[in-house]
Amino acid sequence: MRSRTAEDLGGRCPRCYLLPCLCPEVPTLQPRLEVVVIRHFLEALKGTNSARWAMLALPNSQVHEYGLLDAPLKVNELVTPDTWVLFPMAEPTPAPAVPPRRVLMLDGSWTQARRMFQRIPSLRGLPKLSLPPPPMRPRLRSEHLESGMSTMEAIAAAYDFAGEPQVSTALIELYLKAVDRAQAIRGRRTVPGQS
């Protein structure tokens, strides 16, 4: 398991946690669907946290930390009419006649996400969005489930589900750039144009 990113970020950008900085390449997207990320507090300082990159492109999105003792999260306040929760089930959710207006995403390892779902009673009564397995893409973490994907990939797939494929495409393009840079930081790949 990788440790958290160093507090000084090792010279990385304080917004995207990448080197070279990804921020100039981040599009500004204005989708109809609102995404609210409930992020396990241990994810906040990880350089591999893909929700961070998605949030840079989605100004109408929100991130709320879960598990902070001094700031308990009031999830009930995040639930509005037409709110769904993304959570994997045996079968993908069929496309509804009316797509959700807001999707809550649980961001963390599979174990952390499952525990958050179990410990937040207000999530269990929401309609569930279960996604099909993603196509093969580069990943920064190993997946424990066949249908597993990064949070950013899940956000992109939620936009596909909600009928906003152009937003999904833009997020996946950004995700691939971010993964390439993160792998370069780890010494696995080189970023084009960098020596």
Protein backbone atom coordinates (compact mmCIF):
# COMPACT_ATOMS: atom_id res chain seq x y z
CA MET A 1 0.00 0.00 0.00
CA ARG A 2 1.33 3.42 -0.91
CA SER A 3 1.70 6.05 1.78
CA ARG A 4 0.19 9.47 1.61
CA THR A 5 1.80 12.18 -0.48
CA ALA A 6 4.43 14.17 1.44
CA GLU A 7 3.10 17.27 3.20
CA ASP A 8 5.26 19.55 1.03
CA LEU A 9 3.98 17.65 -2.06
CA GLY A 10 7.55 17.20 -3.24
CA GLY A 11 7.24 20.21 -5.54
CA ARG A 12 3.93 19.08 -6.99
CA CYS A 13 1.00 21.41 -7.68
CA PRO A 14 -1.11 21.94 -4.51
CA ARG A 15 -4.35 21.68 -6.55
CA CYS A 16 -3.80 18.64 -8.77
CA TYR A 17 -0.89 17.01 -6.83
CA LEU A 18 0.90 16.40 -10.12
CA LEU A 19 4.22 17.38 -11.67
CA PRO A 20 4.16 18.87 -14.20
CA CYS A 21 0.96 20.62 -13.21
CA LEU A 22 -2.20 19.43 -14.95
CA CYS A 23 -4.29 22.50 -14.08
CA PRO A 24 -3.75 24.43 -17.36
CA GLU A 25 -5.20 21.47 -19.27
CA VAL A 26 -8.31 21.04 -17.10
CA PRO A 27 -11.50 21.89 -18.99
CA THR A 28 -14.32 23.77 -17.29
CA LEU A 29 -17.44 21.64 -17.66
CA GLN A 30 -20.97 22.79 -16.88
CA PRO A 31 -23.09 19.62 -16.79
CA ARG A 32 -26.69 19.31 -15.62
CA LEU A 33 -25.90 16.43 -13.25
CA GLU A 34 -24.47 17.49 -9.90
CA VAL A 35 -21.83 15.23 -8.39
CA VAL A 36 -21.25 15.23 -4.64
CA VAL A 37 -18.21 13.26 -3.51
CA ILE A 38 -18.17 11.88 0.03
CA ARG A 39 -14.46 11.25 0.42
CA HIS A 40 -12.94 9.15 3.18
CA PHE A 41 -10.58 11.46 5.05
CA LEU A 42 -7.61 9.14 4.40
CA GLU A 43 -8.00 9.80 0.65
CA ALA A 44 -7.53 13.55 0.95
CA LEU A 45 -3.73 13.54 0.86
CA LYS A 46 -3.19 10.71 -1.61
CA GLY A 47 -1.62 11.69 -4.91
CA THR A 48 -3.66 8.93 -6.57
CA ASN A 49 -7.02 10.42 -5.50
CA SER A 50 -8.73 10.79 -8.88
CA ALA A 51 -11.78 12.59 -7.45
CA ARG A 52 -9.49 15.60 -6.98
CA TRP A 53 -8.87 15.80 -10.74
CA ALA A 54 -12.56 15.46 -11.59
CA MET A 55 -13.52 18.21 -9.16
CA LEU A 56 -11.12 20.63 -10.87
CA ALA A 57 -13.18 20.27 -14.07
CA LEU A 58 -16.61 20.35 -12.43
CA PRO A 59 -17.23 23.70 -10.70
CA ASN A 60 -20.79 22.67 -9.76
CA SER A 61 -19.49 19.63 -7.86
CA GLN A 62 -18.77 19.28 -4.16
CA VAL A 63 -16.37 17.27 -2.00
CA HIS A 64 -17.13 16.51 1.64
CA GLU A 65 -14.74 14.68 3.95
CA TYR A 66 -16.06 11.69 5.88
CA GLY A 67 -14.54 10.44 9.13
CA LEU A 68 -13.13 13.64 10.60
CA LEU A 69 -13.75 13.57 14.36
CA ASP A 70 -13.86 17.36 14.71
CA ALA A 71 -16.20 17.89 11.72
CA PRO A 72 -18.83 15.14 11.41
CA LEU A 73 -20.49 15.02 8.02
CA LYS A 74 -24.24 15.66 7.86
CA VAL A 75 -25.13 13.56 4.84
CA ASN A 76 -28.87 14.31 5.15
CA GLU A 77 -28.09 17.88 4.07
CA LEU A 78 -26.58 16.58 0.82
CA VAL A 79 -29.69 14.63 -0.19
CA THR A 80 -32.01 16.62 -2.43
CA PRO A 81 -34.92 15.42 -4.59
CA ASP A 82 -33.72 13.16 -7.42
CA THR A 83 -30.51 12.21 -5.57
CA TRP A 84 -29.02 8.78 -6.29
CA VAL A 85 -26.03 7.06 -4.71
CA LEU A 86 -23.42 5.28 -6.78
CA PHE A 87 -22.85 1.83 -5.34
CA PRO A 88 -21.99 -1.42 -7.15
CA MET A 89 -24.60 -4.17 -7.29
CA ALA A 90 -24.83 -7.46 -9.18
CA GLU A 91 -26.28 -5.86 -12.33
CA PRO A 92 -25.86 -2.40 -13.88
CA THR A 93 -28.76 -0.04 -13.34
CA PRO A 94 -31.01 0.28 -16.41
CA ALA A 95 -31.35 3.79 -17.84
CA PRO A 96 -34.31 5.54 -16.18
CA ALA A 97 -36.94 7.60 -17.96
CA VAL A 98 -35.75 10.62 -15.95
CA PRO A 99 -32.04 10.65 -15.03
CA PRO A 100 -30.92 11.74 -11.57
CA ARG A 101 -30.16 15.41 -10.90
CA ARG A 102 -27.57 14.62 -8.22
CA VAL A 103 -25.33 11.60 -7.61
CA LEU A 104 -23.47 10.94 -4.37
CA MET A 105 -20.11 9.20 -4.87
CA LEU A 106 -18.33 7.37 -2.07
CA ASP A 107 -14.61 7.94 -2.55
CA GLY A 108 -12.09 5.63 -0.93
CA SER A 109 -10.84 2.09 -1.15
CA TRP A 110 -13.51 -0.55 -1.72
CA THR A 111 -13.43 -1.41 2.00
CA GLN A 112 -13.76 2.26 3.01
CA ALA A 113 -16.63 2.85 0.54
CA ARG A 114 -18.50 -0.23 1.74
CA ARG A 115 -18.14 0.84 5.37
CA MET A 116 -19.29 4.37 4.59
CA PHE A 117 -22.36 2.97 2.85
CA GLN A 118 -23.11 0.76 5.86
CA ARG A 119 -22.56 3.53 8.42
CA ILE A 120 -24.56 6.30 6.71
CA PRO A 121 -28.21 5.24 7.04
CA SER A 122 -29.55 7.99 4.77
CA LEU A 123 -27.69 6.48 1.78
CA ARG A 124 -29.42 3.11 1.95
CA GLY A 125 -32.84 4.52 1.04
CA LEU A 126 -31.63 6.32 -2.08
CA PRO A 127 -31.94 4.90 -5.60
CA LYS A 128 -28.74 3.01 -6.46
CA LEU A 129 -26.63 3.65 -9.53
CA SER A 130 -24.65 0.55 -10.42
CA LEU A 131 -22.34 0.85 -13.43
CA PRO A 132 -21.16 -1.71 -15.96
CA PRO A 133 -17.48 -2.71 -15.80
CA PRO A 134 -15.21 -0.07 -17.34
CA PRO A 135 -13.06 -0.67 -20.39
CA MET A 136 -9.42 -1.50 -19.77
CA ARG A 137 -7.50 1.68 -18.98
CA PRO A 138 -4.27 2.50 -17.19
CA ARG A 139 -4.75 2.48 -13.43
CA LEU A 140 -2.79 3.78 -10.48
CA ARG A 141 -4.21 1.27 -8.01
CA SER A 142 -5.06 -2.39 -8.35
CA GLU A 143 -8.78 -3.17 -8.41
CA HIS A 144 -10.16 -5.86 -6.10
CA LEU A 145 -13.41 -6.21 -8.03
CA GLU A 146 -13.78 -7.09 -11.69
CA SER A 147 -16.11 -4.12 -12.07
CA GLY A 148 -13.84 -1.84 -10.04
CA MET A 149 -12.82 1.56 -11.29
CA SER A 150 -11.36 4.80 -10.03
CA THR A 151 -13.68 7.46 -8.67
CA MET A 152 -13.03 9.67 -11.70
CA GLU A 153 -13.95 6.86 -14.07
CA ALA A 154 -17.12 6.30 -12.04
CA ILE A 155 -17.97 10.01 -12.24
CA ALA A 156 -17.46 9.93 -16.01
CA ALA A 157 -19.67 6.83 -16.30
CA ALA A 158 -22.36 8.56 -14.22
CA TYR A 159 -22.44 11.36 -16.79
CA ASP A 160 -22.88 8.78 -19.54
CA PHE A 161 -25.75 7.28 -17.55
CA ALA A 162 -27.33 10.74 -17.13
CA GLY A 163 -27.20 11.42 -20.88
CA GLU A 164 -24.16 13.71 -20.91
CA PRO A 165 -21.59 11.73 -22.93
CA GLN A 166 -19.57 14.82 -23.88
CA VAL A 167 -18.84 15.45 -20.19
CA SER A 168 -17.90 11.81 -19.74
CA THR A 169 -15.48 11.94 -22.69
CA ALA A 170 -13.80 15.12 -21.41
CA LEU A 171 -13.35 13.58 -17.94
CA ILE A 172 -11.82 10.38 -19.31
CA GLU A 173 -9.38 12.38 -21.45
CA LEU A 174 -8.37 14.34 -18.35
CA TYR A 175 -8.12 11.14 -16.30
CA LEU A 176 -5.72 9.56 -18.81
CA LYS A 177 -3.48 12.65 -18.78
CA ALA A 178 -3.47 12.66 -14.97
CA VAL A 179 -2.66 8.95 -14.76
CA ASP A 180 0.20 9.39 -17.21
CA ARG A 181 1.68 12.18 -15.08
CA ALA A 182 1.19 10.28 -11.84
CA GLN A 183 2.95 7.27 -13.35
CA ALA A 184 5.80 9.52 -14.46
CA ILE A 185 6.18 10.78 -10.88
CA ARG A 186 6.51 7.15 -9.81
CA GLY A 187 9.13 6.66 -12.52
CA ARG A 188 7.02 4.25 -14.54
CA ARG A 189 6.53 6.34 -17.66
CA THR A 190 7.77 9.54 -19.19
CA VAL A 191 5.53 12.47 -19.89
CA PRO A 192 5.74 13.64 -23.52
CA GLY A 193 7.89 16.74 -23.80
CA GLN A 194 9.67 16.05 -20.50
CA SER A 195 13.22 14.80 -20.16
